[in-house]
Amino acid sequence: MRAIRTGAVVAALAVSAALTLAACSGDRSPAAGPSAGGPSAGGSSPASTGASGSPAGAAAQWPMYHGTPDRAGVSAAMPPAAGAPRRVRSLRLDGAVYASPIVVGGLTIVATENDTVYAFDQFYAQVWRRSLGKPSPSEERQCGDIDPLGITGTPVYDASTDKVYLVAEHGGAVRHELYALDPRTGSVAWSKSVDLPGVSARDMQQRGALAVAGGKVWVSYGAQAGDCGDYKGRVVGVPLDGGDGVVFYSPPTERGGGIWNPNGPTVTADGHLLVVSANGAGFPGDAYDHTNTVLELDASARLVDSFAPEDWARNNQGDVGLGSQGVALIGDTWAVLGGKSGPVYVLRQGHLGGIDGQVDVRNVCRSFGGAAVSGSVVYLPCTDGVRAVRVDDAGKLHVLWHADQAITGSPVIGGGRVWVLDTRGGVLHGLDPNSGKSLGQVDVGEANRFSTPAIAGADVIVGTLTGIAVVRTS
């Protein structure tokens, strides 16, 4: 058994607030980047509705999915929520927004399924727009539920390189390209294919949020909705300068094991990655193939540790079990996750336990997306309403409350509220973290089922099926 780890990757990856805000509110025209497909800047500003208001704070930062490498989803800088939340902006963009917005140096950066990236200033006026190419239409793929398919995984910003990294799926000869962008201008510093041999690029989907750890940007892959074709779960690590030394891990299964949930890799205090593989080819009676499994990878993509439920093979057979929720961390002691079936597991960081090695398990809910964590409480994105669960000092799980069944999005925390969507109804709720009661709600527009907000100052920024909505909370 390895010792429990300590350290702080959050500090190592903290975002510099020294980015200079672009002064103009119109499009810029930086030189085209080197990638195939001819990235371009310019175009008309997005349609905007809503009242003017004070900007998000210049120091507000949300540089990746749920704000920090551990995916906790907490803004300590958000002022206390006061009064009814109100929508102050609705921006119609050129495609649906599945990725979470990120906030870097006062700029809100948003990627669409039309392979376009936008940046908006503190007043949500457009600063730049970058088209990276043409997305893949549905007729190019055997299955799937996003049309067209462009940028789905949430981008990540790295302070050491001062770059925003994202993956765009391009049509024609379907391919996945990793881009490094200048956050001030949208210019392309470099791009690199992240389609490696052994699978069909058209059958792979890049839905998971990107992460930075160990001098690499990490990209996870699963299948299209429907699990069709020649795919295999994969995590690819690319050096931050785009150079040689690409590494990857795939579960040793004949097919499947998609690492698809939108949370993407969760980064531990010592820089390891925790990812979750879904159903694979190993059925009852077959050898364990590390599918339906929590996988711990080091900075070289080597498997360090793992956990699988006792019934992993039966879960594979029924396409249930793990895979749909990312790993939530409580300090450097516990790891918590649910999945597609109902059980929620507590694992020990540093010793995940192997097969059937959980510290605790309770049948709580089916959980899809990314959780939020405050202290010892985890807020789970359950399909019948968000749950709050507490893990005690012995690693035992306690259910605290259950929100309204329509409130199923992936939550974030700030200003004394848990901010979470009713994605079908297109409503953002601010929940009381102690009871789960909605203390305020506002229409934002329909969002994809995995949509999770970003927080910038007093603003909650939500990706929708038509663009973004901005909600002011105080």
Foldseek 3Di string as FASTA:
>chain_A
DFDQDAFAVQVVQPADLPDDADDDLAADWDDWADDPQTKTKHDGFFDKDFAFDFFFDQSFWQFWQLRTLQNQQEDPQAAAFDDFWDFGMFTFDPFFFQAAWTAHRQWTWTAHQQQKIWIAHRRRRTYMIMRPHGFAAPVVAPDADDGRGFWAAHWGAGRVVQWIWTWTFHYDQTFIKIFTANVNRRHTPDIDTPDDPDFRNRQKHFHAHWHDFDQWIKTWIFGHPVQDGGAFTKIWTAGPNRDDLIAMDTFQARGAQGQHAHNHWRAARVRKTWTATFAGDQAPPGDDRQHLKTFIAHSRRDTDAIEHEQRNRVCNVVRWHARFEYWRDQRSFWIWDGAQPFKIFIAGHPYRQYYNGTLDIDRHAHFGAYWHDDHQWIWTQHQQFIWIWGQDPSRYIGTQEGAHGLFREHWHDYSQFIWTDSQQQQKIFTARPRYNDTPHMDHWEHAPRHWYWDDGHQWTWTGHRRGIIIIGRD
